[in-house]
Amino acid sequence: MKKNIISILVVFLLFSLNAFSQKTENSKNLLWEISGKDLKTSSYIVGTMHMMPKKDFFFPNKLEEKFNSCKVLVVEANMDMGLKDQLALASKVKYPEGKTLQNYMTEEEYKSYRNFFIETMGLKEKKLNKYENLKPFYAYSLILKSLLDGKMVMYEPKLSKMAKKKKMDIVGLETIEFQMDMVEDISIEDQVEMFLIPKDVNKDKNLITDFNSTVEIYKNQDIEKMLEMNEEEAAGNEEFIQTFLIDRNKDWIPKIEKQISEQATFIAVGAAHLGGDFGVLNLLREAGYTVKPVE
């Protein structure tokens, strides 16, 4: 159950890293210092990858050093929630009662979907069957995770564990419920079209290659390249990008400002939220702060 809820953050990362945004950042750096505008002390923001192979995971000393200088951890959404809240949210990941994936696909589309993930991508049929009660947005993230080799890890749990050990407060810029409501605003039919129906098998079969390329770009800490990598794929999805990336960035700024004005804060958000004219770094600069990479 909790695995299903956590999966939404995995999905947000995958789209964030592949989303289109204008290029403004040239520095290859994921960790940035926020100062100026009468701040009493610096705060820091890091671009994370919500899901990456354990073998590629890295946590440099400078990251830990700046984290330890802060009093509060700010993340996209605080994952700590009680069983009651988990139960309330878990129902949102499934189709309406009495409905299945087949209700939202033609017979030909359903056959194409099954053939693509089983025959082309090599996913075991039993595993694919497990995901058919989940709405496409969630099913796709778990399908992709199943196709990847080795154990996957995330930065947010590590940072949260470190914060709890230091007795730091953990603050979410938004709630899991808010994030899931954004998904609810996308019709199931549109989700099917976006995530589960192969458009070009020769191109789509490179899902794993594309993911591995994203990991390499992240390891190189190349914000500009993250924003460049799928500009062509963003064509026609401007509304989706506006809602899931740009609008959220803008909404976060006053929340970040309030937090950093009170005490030293360590902020962790998906890496592609950082760069571009509408990225968090530039929006903070426009708000009057000095934002520079931590070398």
C-alpha atoms as a PDB file:
ATOM      1  CA  MET A   1       0.000   0.000   0.000  1.00  0.00           C
ATOM      2  CA  LYS A   2       2.637   2.491   1.006  1.00  0.00           C
ATOM      3  CA  LYS A   3       4.664   1.365  -1.999  1.00  0.00           C
ATOM      4  CA  ASN A   4       1.847   2.584  -4.246  1.00  0.00           C
ATOM      5  CA  ILE A   5       1.765   5.972  -2.534  1.00  0.00           C
ATOM      6  CA  ILE A   6       5.530   6.395  -2.711  1.00  0.00           C
ATOM      7  CA  SER A   7       5.455   5.559  -6.409  1.00  0.00           C
ATOM      8  CA  ILE A   8       3.978   8.939  -7.225  1.00  0.00           C
ATOM      9  CA  LEU A   9       7.234  10.643  -6.224  1.00  0.00           C
ATOM     10  CA  VAL A  10       9.103   8.270  -8.491  1.00  0.00           C
ATOM     11  CA  VAL A  11       6.856   9.290 -11.364  1.00  0.00           C
ATOM     12  CA  PHE A  12       7.271  13.002 -10.628  1.00  0.00           C
ATOM     13  CA  LEU A  13      11.015  12.629 -10.899  1.00  0.00           C
ATOM     14  CA  LEU A  14      10.888  10.812 -14.201  1.00  0.00           C
ATOM     15  CA  PHE A  15       8.772  13.526 -15.731  1.00  0.00           C
ATOM     16  CA  SER A  16      10.673  16.324 -14.042  1.00  0.00           C
ATOM     17  CA  LEU A  17      14.004  15.209 -15.448  1.00  0.00           C
ATOM     18  CA  ASN A  18      12.559  14.767 -18.925  1.00  0.00           C
ATOM     19  CA  ALA A  19      10.507  17.950 -18.949  1.00  0.00           C
ATOM     20  CA  PHE A  20      11.089  20.894 -21.236  1.00  0.00           C
ATOM     21  CA  SER A  21      12.215  24.205 -19.784  1.00  0.00           C
ATOM     22  CA  GLN A  22      14.243  27.124 -21.086  1.00  0.00           C
ATOM     23  CA  LYS A  23      17.992  26.903 -20.571  1.00  0.00           C
ATOM     24  CA  THR A  24      19.644  29.313 -18.204  1.00  0.00           C
ATOM     25  CA  GLU A  25      21.951  27.210 -16.032  1.00  0.00           C
ATOM     26  CA  ASN A  26      25.412  26.393 -17.344  1.00  0.00           C
ATOM     27  CA  SER A  27      27.052  25.269 -14.129  1.00  0.00           C
ATOM     28  CA  LYS A  28      27.319  21.527 -13.581  1.00  0.00           C
ATOM     29  CA  ASN A  29      26.215  21.487  -9.993  1.00  0.00           C
ATOM     30  CA  LEU A  30      23.313  20.068  -8.008  1.00  0.00           C
ATOM     31  CA  LEU A  31      23.969  21.849  -4.697  1.00  0.00           C
ATOM     32  CA  TRP A  32      23.339  25.601  -4.398  1.00  0.00           C
ATOM     33  CA  GLU A  33      23.651  28.186  -1.640  1.00  0.00           C
ATOM     34  CA  ILE A  34      20.860  30.726  -1.028  1.00  0.00           C
ATOM     35  CA  SER A  35      21.934  33.959   0.673  1.00  0.00           C
ATOM     36  CA  GLY A  36      21.333  37.711   0.642  1.00  0.00           C
ATOM     37  CA  LYS A  37      18.061  39.645   0.984  1.00  0.00           C
ATOM     38  CA  ASP A  38      18.659  40.136   4.721  1.00  0.00           C
ATOM     39  CA  LEU A  39      18.930  36.413   5.455  1.00  0.00           C
ATOM     40  CA  LYS A  40      20.684  35.860   8.776  1.00  0.00           C
ATOM     41  CA  THR A  41      22.260  32.637   7.559  1.00  0.00           C
ATOM     42  CA  SER A  42      22.618  30.758   4.291  1.00  0.00           C
ATOM     43  CA  SER A  43      20.291  27.959   3.255  1.00  0.00           C
ATOM     44  CA  TYR A  44      20.932  25.284   0.636  1.00  0.00           C
ATOM     45  CA  ILE A  45      19.007  23.568  -2.129  1.00  0.00           C
ATOM     46  CA  VAL A  46      19.920  20.303  -3.850  1.00  0.00           C
ATOM     47  CA  GLY A  47      18.463  18.664  -6.928  1.00  0.00           C
ATOM     48  CA  THR A  48      17.678  15.032  -6.243  1.00  0.00           C
ATOM     49  CA  MET A  49      16.845  11.980  -8.284  1.00  0.00           C
ATOM     50  CA  HIS A  50      13.922  10.283  -6.608  1.00  0.00           C
ATOM     51  CA  MET A  51      14.849   6.881  -8.035  1.00  0.00           C
ATOM     52  CA  MET A  52      18.252   5.702  -9.201  1.00  0.00           C
ATOM     53  CA  PRO A  53      20.259   2.456  -9.185  1.00  0.00           C
ATOM     54  CA  LYS A  54      21.997   1.805  -5.892  1.00  0.00           C
ATOM     55  CA  LYS A  55      25.283   1.257  -7.757  1.00  0.00           C
ATOM     56  CA  ASP A  56      25.106   4.826  -9.084  1.00  0.00           C
ATOM     57  CA  PHE A  57      24.008   6.534  -5.879  1.00  0.00           C
ATOM     58  CA  PHE A  58      26.414   9.188  -4.600  1.00  0.00           C
ATOM     59  CA  PHE A  59      26.358  11.481  -1.564  1.00  0.00           C
ATOM     60  CA  PRO A  60      29.386  13.832  -1.575  1.00  0.00           C
ATOM     61  CA  ASN A  61      30.950  15.170   1.612  1.00  0.00           C
ATOM     62  CA  LYS A  62      30.015  18.769   0.766  1.00  0.00           C
ATOM     63  CA  LEU A  63      26.353  17.727   0.628  1.00  0.00           C
ATOM     64  CA  GLU A  64      26.504  16.206   4.103  1.00  0.00           C
ATOM     65  CA  GLU A  65      28.453  19.189   5.414  1.00  0.00           C
ATOM     66  CA  LYS A  66      25.859  21.726   4.229  1.00  0.00           C
ATOM     67  CA  PHE A  67      23.022  19.515   5.408  1.00  0.00           C
ATOM     68  CA  ASN A  68      24.528  19.399   8.896  1.00  0.00           C
ATOM     69  CA  SER A  69      24.702  23.201   8.996  1.00  0.00           C
ATOM     70  CA  CYS A  70      20.906  23.469   8.670  1.00  0.00           C
ATOM     71  CA  LYS A  71      18.058  23.212  11.171  1.00  0.00           C
ATOM     72  CA  VAL A  72      15.177  22.142   8.913  1.00  0.00           C
ATOM     73  CA  LEU A  73      14.795  19.760   5.988  1.00  0.00           C
ATOM     74  CA  VAL A  74      12.322  20.801   3.276  1.00  0.00           C
ATOM     75  CA  VAL A  75      11.197  18.203   0.726  1.00  0.00           C
ATOM     76  CA  GLU A  76       8.566  18.148  -1.992  1.00  0.00           C
ATOM     77  CA  ALA A  77       6.210  16.143   0.217  1.00  0.00           C
ATOM     78  CA  ASN A  78       6.667  14.702   3.701  1.00  0.00           C
ATOM     79  CA  MET A  79       6.118  10.953   3.427  1.00  0.00           C
ATOM     80  CA  ASP A  80       5.428  10.432   7.124  1.00  0.00           C
ATOM     81  CA  MET A  81       1.745   9.604   7.484  1.00  0.00           C
ATOM     82  CA  GLY A  82      -0.460   7.403   9.600  1.00  0.00           C
ATOM     83  CA  LEU A  83      -2.260   4.262   8.480  1.00  0.00           C
ATOM     84  CA  LYS A  84      -5.579   6.106   8.243  1.00  0.00           C
ATOM     85  CA  ASP A  85      -4.122   8.612   5.777  1.00  0.00           C
ATOM     86  CA  GLN A  86      -2.466   5.841   3.799  1.00  0.00           C
ATOM     87  CA  LEU A  87      -5.773   4.007   3.485  1.00  0.00           C
ATOM     88  CA  ALA A  88      -7.545   7.172   2.371  1.00  0.00           C
ATOM     89  CA  LEU A  89      -4.999   7.847  -0.356  1.00  0.00           C
ATOM     90  CA  ALA A  90      -4.514   4.257  -1.491  1.00  0.00           C
ATOM     91  CA  SER A  91      -7.990   4.163  -3.046  1.00  0.00           C
ATOM     92  CA  LYS A  92      -6.970   6.953  -5.449  1.00  0.00           C
ATOM     93  CA  VAL A  93      -4.416   4.802  -7.225  1.00  0.00           C
ATOM     94  CA  LYS A  94      -7.006   2.245  -8.351  1.00  0.00           C
ATOM     95  CA  TYR A  95      -9.678   2.316 -11.027  1.00  0.00           C
ATOM     96  CA  PRO A  96     -13.271   3.064 -10.021  1.00  0.00           C
ATOM     97  CA  GLU A  97     -15.061   0.042  -8.594  1.00  0.00           C
ATOM     98  CA  GLY A  98     -16.032  -2.442 -11.273  1.00  0.00           C
ATOM     99  CA  LYS A  99     -13.614  -0.984 -13.827  1.00  0.00           C
ATOM    100  CA  THR A 100     -10.355  -2.404 -15.161  1.00  0.00           C
ATOM    101  CA  LEU A 101      -7.710  -1.216 -17.588  1.00  0.00           C
ATOM    102  CA  GLN A 102      -9.559  -2.940 -20.416  1.00  0.00           C
ATOM    103  CA  ASN A 103     -12.516  -0.590 -19.903  1.00  0.00           C
ATOM    104  CA  TYR A 104     -10.312   2.280 -21.057  1.00  0.00           C
ATOM    105  CA  MET A 105      -8.667   0.616 -24.048  1.00  0.00           C
ATOM    106  CA  THR A 106      -9.879  -0.827 -27.309  1.00  0.00           C
ATOM    107  CA  GLU A 107      -9.180  -4.511 -27.824  1.00  0.00           C
ATOM    108  CA  GLU A 108      -6.401  -3.610 -30.253  1.00  0.00           C
ATOM    109  CA  GLU A 109      -4.832  -1.094 -27.833  1.00  0.00           C
ATOM    110  CA  TYR A 110      -4.922  -3.602 -24.988  1.00  0.00           C
ATOM    111  CA  LYS A 111      -3.237  -6.248 -27.121  1.00  0.00           C
ATOM    112  CA  SER A 112      -0.589  -3.744 -28.224  1.00  0.00           C
ATOM    113  CA  TYR A 113       0.024  -2.715 -24.604  1.00  0.00           C
ATOM    114  CA  ARG A 114       0.447  -6.328 -23.461  1.00  0.00           C
ATOM    115  CA  ASN A 115       2.687  -7.272 -26.383  1.00  0.00           C
ATOM    116  CA  PHE A 116       4.900  -4.242 -25.923  1.00  0.00           C
ATOM    117  CA  PHE A 117       5.708  -4.741 -22.242  1.00  0.00           C
ATOM    118  CA  ILE A 118       5.836  -8.557 -22.350  1.00  0.00           C
ATOM    119  CA  GLU A 119       7.306  -9.336 -25.776  1.00  0.00           C
ATOM    120  CA  THR A 120       9.317  -6.189 -26.545  1.00  0.00           C
ATOM    121  CA  MET A 121      10.400  -5.098 -23.066  1.00  0.00           C
ATOM    122  CA  GLY A 122      10.594  -8.568 -21.503  1.00  0.00           C
ATOM    123  CA  LEU A 123       8.373  -7.926 -18.464  1.00  0.00           C
ATOM    124  CA  LYS A 124       6.971 -11.089 -16.924  1.00  0.00           C
ATOM    125  CA  GLU A 125       3.272 -11.522 -17.608  1.00  0.00           C
ATOM    126  CA  LYS A 126       2.479 -12.260 -13.957  1.00  0.00           C
ATOM    127  CA  LYS A 127       4.095  -8.984 -12.891  1.00  0.00           C
ATOM    128  CA  LEU A 128       2.266  -6.973 -15.551  1.00  0.00           C
ATOM    129  CA  ASN A 129      -1.002  -8.494 -14.343  1.00  0.00           C
ATOM    130  CA  LYS A 130      -0.301  -7.172 -10.840  1.00  0.00           C
ATOM    131  CA  TYR A 131      -0.337  -3.589 -12.090  1.00  0.00           C
ATOM    132  CA  GLU A 132      -3.580  -3.709 -14.055  1.00  0.00           C
ATOM    133  CA  ASN A 133      -5.680  -2.576 -11.100  1.00  0.00           C
ATOM    134  CA  LEU A 134      -3.604   0.618 -10.820  1.00  0.00           C
ATOM    135  CA  LYS A 135      -4.375   3.751 -12.815  1.00  0.00           C
ATOM    136  CA  PRO A 136      -1.918   4.256 -15.702  1.00  0.00           C
ATOM    137  CA  PHE A 137       0.062   7.036 -14.002  1.00  0.00           C
ATOM    138  CA  TYR A 138       0.987   4.711 -11.131  1.00  0.00           C
ATOM    139  CA  ALA A 139       1.181   1.482 -13.120  1.00  0.00           C
ATOM    140  CA  TYR A 140       3.742   2.958 -15.493  1.00  0.00           C
ATOM    141  CA  SER A 141       6.132   3.946 -12.711  1.00  0.00           C
ATOM    142  CA  LEU A 142       6.052   0.469 -11.195  1.00  0.00           C
ATOM    143  CA  ILE A 143       6.392  -1.181 -14.608  1.00  0.00           C
ATOM    144  CA  LEU A 144       9.481   0.895 -15.331  1.00  0.00           C
ATOM    145  CA  LYS A 145      10.921   0.115 -11.912  1.00  0.00           C
ATOM    146  CA  SER A 146      10.348  -3.591 -12.577  1.00  0.00           C
ATOM    147  CA  LEU A 147      12.227  -3.357 -15.868  1.00  0.00           C
ATOM    148  CA  LEU A 148      15.320  -1.809 -14.299  1.00  0.00           C
ATOM    149  CA  ASP A 149      18.212  -3.961 -13.129  1.00  0.00           C
ATOM    150  CA  GLY A 150      19.284  -3.998  -9.496  1.00  0.00           C
ATOM    151  CA  LYS A 151      18.027  -2.239  -6.420  1.00  0.00           C
ATOM    152  CA  MET A 152      16.679   1.293  -6.757  1.00  0.00           C
ATOM    153  CA  VAL A 153      17.281   3.911  -4.050  1.00  0.00           C
ATOM    154  CA  MET A 154      16.056   7.446  -3.370  1.00  0.00           C
ATOM    155  CA  TYR A 155      17.684  10.499  -1.819  1.00  0.00           C
ATOM    156  CA  GLU A 156      14.657  11.638   0.167  1.00  0.00           C
ATOM    157  CA  PRO A 157      14.525   8.655   2.570  1.00  0.00           C
ATOM    158  CA  LYS A 158      18.243   9.031   3.303  1.00  0.00           C
ATOM    159  CA  LEU A 159      17.882  12.752   3.968  1.00  0.00           C
ATOM    160  CA  SER A 160      14.795  12.167   6.111  1.00  0.00           C
ATOM    161  CA  LYS A 161      16.626   9.535   8.153  1.00  0.00           C
ATOM    162  CA  MET A 162      19.521  11.940   8.679  1.00  0.00           C
ATOM    163  CA  ALA A 163      17.096  14.702   9.673  1.00  0.00           C
ATOM    164  CA  LYS A 164      15.350  12.514  12.225  1.00  0.00           C
ATOM    165  CA  LYS A 165      18.685  11.497  13.715  1.00  0.00           C
ATOM    166  CA  LYS A 166      19.537  15.179  14.145  1.00  0.00           C
ATOM    167  CA  LYS A 167      15.998  15.897  15.431  1.00  0.00           C
ATOM    168  CA  MET A 168      15.461  18.331  12.554  1.00  0.00           C
ATOM    169  CA  ASP A 169      11.950  19.318  11.517  1.00  0.00           C
ATOM    170  CA  ILE A 170      10.859  17.950   8.132  1.00  0.00           C
ATOM    171  CA  VAL A 171       8.579  20.226   6.121  1.00  0.00           C
ATOM    172  CA  GLY A 172       6.772  19.407   2.880  1.00  0.00           C
ATOM    173  CA  LEU A 173       6.297  22.043   0.178  1.00  0.00           C
ATOM    174  CA  GLU A 174       3.072  20.254  -0.689  1.00  0.00           C
ATOM    175  CA  THR A 175       1.139  17.214   0.494  1.00  0.00           C
ATOM    176  CA  ILE A 176       0.867  13.759  -1.011  1.00  0.00           C
ATOM    177  CA  GLU A 177      -2.872  14.379  -1.291  1.00  0.00           C
ATOM    178  CA  PHE A 178      -2.233  17.512  -3.355  1.00  0.00           C
ATOM    179  CA  GLN A 179       0.085  15.582  -5.659  1.00  0.00           C
ATOM    180  CA  MET A 180      -2.430  12.793  -6.118  1.00  0.00           C
ATOM    181  CA  ASP A 181      -5.177  15.303  -6.820  1.00  0.00           C
ATOM    182  CA  MET A 182      -3.057  16.625  -9.694  1.00  0.00           C
ATOM    183  CA  VAL A 183      -3.059  13.124 -11.120  1.00  0.00           C
ATOM    184  CA  GLU A 184      -6.826  12.902 -10.598  1.00  0.00           C
ATOM    185  CA  ASP A 185      -7.206  15.966 -12.822  1.00  0.00           C
ATOM    186  CA  ILE A 186      -5.824  13.939 -15.738  1.00  0.00           C
ATOM    187  CA  SER A 187      -8.576  11.727 -17.144  1.00  0.00           C
ATOM    188  CA  ILE A 188      -7.881   8.003 -17.086  1.00  0.00           C
ATOM    189  CA  GLU A 189      -8.260   7.985 -20.873  1.00  0.00           C
ATOM    190  CA  ASP A 190      -5.509  10.599 -21.189  1.00  0.00           C
ATOM    191  CA  GLN A 191      -3.313   8.695 -18.751  1.00  0.00           C
ATOM    192  CA  VAL A 192      -3.712   5.553 -20.858  1.00  0.00           C
ATOM    193  CA  GLU A 193      -2.748   7.490 -23.972  1.00  0.00           C
ATOM    194  CA  MET A 194       0.265   9.135 -22.332  1.00  0.00           C
ATOM    195  CA  PHE A 195       1.749   6.167 -20.480  1.00  0.00           C
ATOM    196  CA  LEU A 196       0.539   2.776 -21.660  1.00  0.00           C
ATOM    197  CA  ILE A 197      -0.080   2.872 -25.406  1.00  0.00           C
ATOM    198  CA  PRO A 198       3.150   2.429 -27.416  1.00  0.00           C
ATOM    199  CA  LYS A 199       3.513   5.169 -30.030  1.00  0.00           C
ATOM    200  CA  ASP A 200       6.602   3.860 -31.815  1.00  0.00           C
ATOM    201  CA  VAL A 201       7.872   0.477 -30.683  1.00  0.00           C
ATOM    202  CA  ASN A 202      11.360   1.076 -32.109  1.00  0.00           C
ATOM    203  CA  LYS A 203      11.592   4.277 -30.087  1.00  0.00           C
ATOM    204  CA  ASP A 204       9.659   3.217 -26.995  1.00  0.00           C
ATOM    205  CA  LYS A 205      11.709   0.063 -26.513  1.00  0.00           C
ATOM    206  CA  ASN A 206      14.549   2.348 -25.440  1.00  0.00           C
ATOM    207  CA  LEU A 207      12.840   3.129 -22.119  1.00  0.00           C
ATOM    208  CA  ILE A 208      15.702   1.570 -20.198  1.00  0.00           C
ATOM    209  CA  THR A 209      18.371   3.247 -22.321  1.00  0.00           C
ATOM    210  CA  ASP A 210      16.678   6.604 -21.777  1.00  0.00           C
ATOM    211  CA  PHE A 211      16.503   6.034 -18.032  1.00  0.00           C
ATOM    212  CA  ASN A 212      20.176   5.067 -17.883  1.00  0.00           C
ATOM    213  CA  SER A 213      21.057   8.192 -19.884  1.00  0.00           C
ATOM    214  CA  THR A 214      19.144  10.262 -17.355  1.00  0.00           C
ATOM    215  CA  VAL A 215      21.143   8.678 -14.542  1.00  0.00           C
ATOM    216  CA  GLU A 216      24.418   9.521 -16.289  1.00  0.00           C
ATOM    217  CA  ILE A 217      23.344  13.131 -16.840  1.00  0.00           C
ATOM    218  CA  TYR A 218      22.400  13.363 -13.180  1.00  0.00           C
ATOM    219  CA  LYS A 219      25.736  11.915 -12.103  1.00  0.00           C
ATOM    220  CA  ASN A 220      27.427  14.565 -14.256  1.00  0.00           C
ATOM    221  CA  GLN A 221      25.313  17.146 -12.388  1.00  0.00           C
ATOM    222  CA  ASP A 222      24.439  18.776 -15.703  1.00  0.00           C
ATOM    223  CA  ILE A 223      21.273  20.806 -15.109  1.00  0.00           C
ATOM    224  CA  GLU A 224      21.244  22.242 -18.616  1.00  0.00           C
ATOM    225  CA  LYS A 225      21.462  18.802 -20.193  1.00  0.00           C
ATOM    226  CA  MET A 226      18.620  17.575 -17.999  1.00  0.00           C
ATOM    227  CA  LEU A 227      16.444  20.296 -19.443  1.00  0.00           C
ATOM    228  CA  GLU A 228      17.592  19.674 -23.008  1.00  0.00           C
ATOM    229  CA  MET A 229      17.293  15.916 -23.210  1.00  0.00           C
ATOM    230  CA  ASN A 230      13.657  15.606 -24.222  1.00  0.00           C
ATOM    231  CA  GLU A 231      12.560  18.950 -25.666  1.00  0.00           C
ATOM    232  CA  GLU A 232      11.077  17.194 -28.672  1.00  0.00           C
ATOM    233  CA  GLU A 233       8.982  14.888 -26.495  1.00  0.00           C
ATOM    234  CA  ALA A 234       7.555  17.849 -24.614  1.00  0.00           C
ATOM    235  CA  ALA A 235       5.934  19.165 -27.788  1.00  0.00           C
ATOM    236  CA  GLY A 236       2.181  18.839 -27.366  1.00  0.00           C
ATOM    237  CA  ASN A 237       2.442  18.331 -23.596  1.00  0.00           C
ATOM    238  CA  GLU A 238       2.762  21.980 -22.616  1.00  0.00           C
ATOM    239  CA  GLU A 239      -0.252  21.893 -20.300  1.00  0.00           C
ATOM    240  CA  PHE A 240       1.120  18.861 -18.473  1.00  0.00           C
ATOM    241  CA  ILE A 241       4.536  20.521 -18.065  1.00  0.00           C
ATOM    242  CA  GLN A 242       2.914  23.761 -16.927  1.00  0.00           C
ATOM    243  CA  THR A 243       0.946  21.973 -14.212  1.00  0.00           C
ATOM    244  CA  PHE A 244       3.502  19.449 -12.990  1.00  0.00           C
ATOM    245  CA  LEU A 245       6.637  21.560 -13.198  1.00  0.00           C
ATOM    246  CA  ILE A 246       6.297  25.307 -13.741  1.00  0.00           C
ATOM    247  CA  ASP A 247       3.213  26.006 -11.613  1.00  0.00           C
ATOM    248  CA  ARG A 248       4.621  23.964  -8.761  1.00  0.00           C
ATOM    249  CA  ASN A 249       7.940  25.849  -8.916  1.00  0.00           C
ATOM    250  CA  LYS A 250       6.126  29.166  -8.652  1.00  0.00           C
ATOM    251  CA  ASP A 251       3.958  27.931  -5.806  1.00  0.00           C
ATOM    252  CA  TRP A 252       7.012  26.783  -3.829  1.00  0.00           C
ATOM    253  CA  ILE A 253       8.835  30.132  -3.818  1.00  0.00           C
ATOM    254  CA  PRO A 254       6.842  31.952  -1.070  1.00  0.00           C
ATOM    255  CA  LYS A 255       6.957  28.792   1.050  1.00  0.00           C
ATOM    256  CA  ILE A 256      10.723  28.561   0.629  1.00  0.00           C
ATOM    257  CA  GLU A 257      11.119  32.278   1.358  1.00  0.00           C
ATOM    258  CA  LYS A 258       9.201  31.976   4.616  1.00  0.00           C
ATOM    259  CA  GLN A 259      11.244  28.991   5.732  1.00  0.00           C
ATOM    260  CA  ILE A 260      14.705  30.358   4.911  1.00  0.00           C
ATOM    261  CA  SER A 261      13.869  33.700   6.558  1.00  0.00           C
ATOM    262  CA  GLU A 262      13.344  31.879   9.856  1.00  0.00           C
ATOM    263  CA  GLN A 263      16.317  29.503  10.016  1.00  0.00           C
ATOM    264  CA  ALA A 264      18.972  27.693   7.996  1.00  0.00           C
ATOM    265  CA  THR A 265      17.113  25.281   5.743  1.00  0.00           C
ATOM    266  CA  PHE A 266      18.178  22.393   3.535  1.00  0.00           C
ATOM    267  CA  ILE A 267      15.838  21.983   0.556  1.00  0.00           C
ATOM    268  CA  ALA A 268      15.670  18.841  -1.590  1.00  0.00           C
ATOM    269  CA  VAL A 269      13.597  18.797  -4.783  1.00  0.00           C
ATOM    270  CA  GLY A 270      13.754  16.940  -8.093  1.00  0.00           C
ATOM    271  CA  ALA A 271      16.768  18.163 -10.067  1.00  0.00           C
ATOM    272  CA  ALA A 272      14.884  19.511 -13.092  1.00  0.00           C
ATOM    273  CA  HIS A 273      12.955  21.873 -10.821  1.00  0.00           C
ATOM    274  CA  LEU A 274      16.207  23.833 -10.422  1.00  0.00           C
ATOM    275  CA  GLY A 275      17.111  25.115 -13.874  1.00  0.00           C
ATOM    276  CA  GLY A 276      15.482  27.246 -16.548  1.00  0.00           C
ATOM    277  CA  ASP A 277      13.795  30.631 -16.552  1.00  0.00           C
ATOM    278  CA  PHE A 278      10.961  29.158 -14.497  1.00  0.00           C
ATOM    279  CA  GLY A 279      13.213  26.986 -12.345  1.00  0.00           C
ATOM    280  CA  VAL A 280      13.476  27.440  -8.600  1.00  0.00           C
ATOM    281  CA  LEU A 281      17.003  28.884  -8.788  1.00  0.00           C
ATOM    282  CA  ASN A 282      16.066  31.666 -11.184  1.00  0.00           C
ATOM    283  CA  LEU A 283      12.787  32.384  -9.397  1.00  0.00           C
ATOM    284  CA  LEU A 284      14.719  32.835  -6.149  1.00  0.00           C
ATOM    285  CA  ARG A 285      17.117  35.205  -7.892  1.00  0.00           C
ATOM    286  CA  GLU A 286      14.167  37.187  -9.240  1.00  0.00           C
ATOM    287  CA  ALA A 287      12.878  37.382  -5.670  1.00  0.00           C
ATOM    288  CA  GLY A 288      16.126  39.118  -4.674  1.00  0.00           C
ATOM    289  CA  TYR A 289      18.308  36.299  -3.310  1.00  0.00           C
ATOM    290  CA  THR A 290      21.875  35.436  -4.212  1.00  0.00           C
ATOM    291  CA  VAL A 291      21.992  31.880  -5.512  1.00  0.00           C
ATOM    292  CA  LYS A 292      25.353  30.323  -6.324  1.00  0.00           C
ATOM    293  CA  PRO A 293      26.733  26.794  -6.732  1.00  0.00           C
ATOM    294  CA  VAL A 294      28.541  25.156  -3.836  1.00  0.00           C
ATOM    295  CA  GLU A 295      31.946  24.185  -5.189  1.00  0.00           C
END
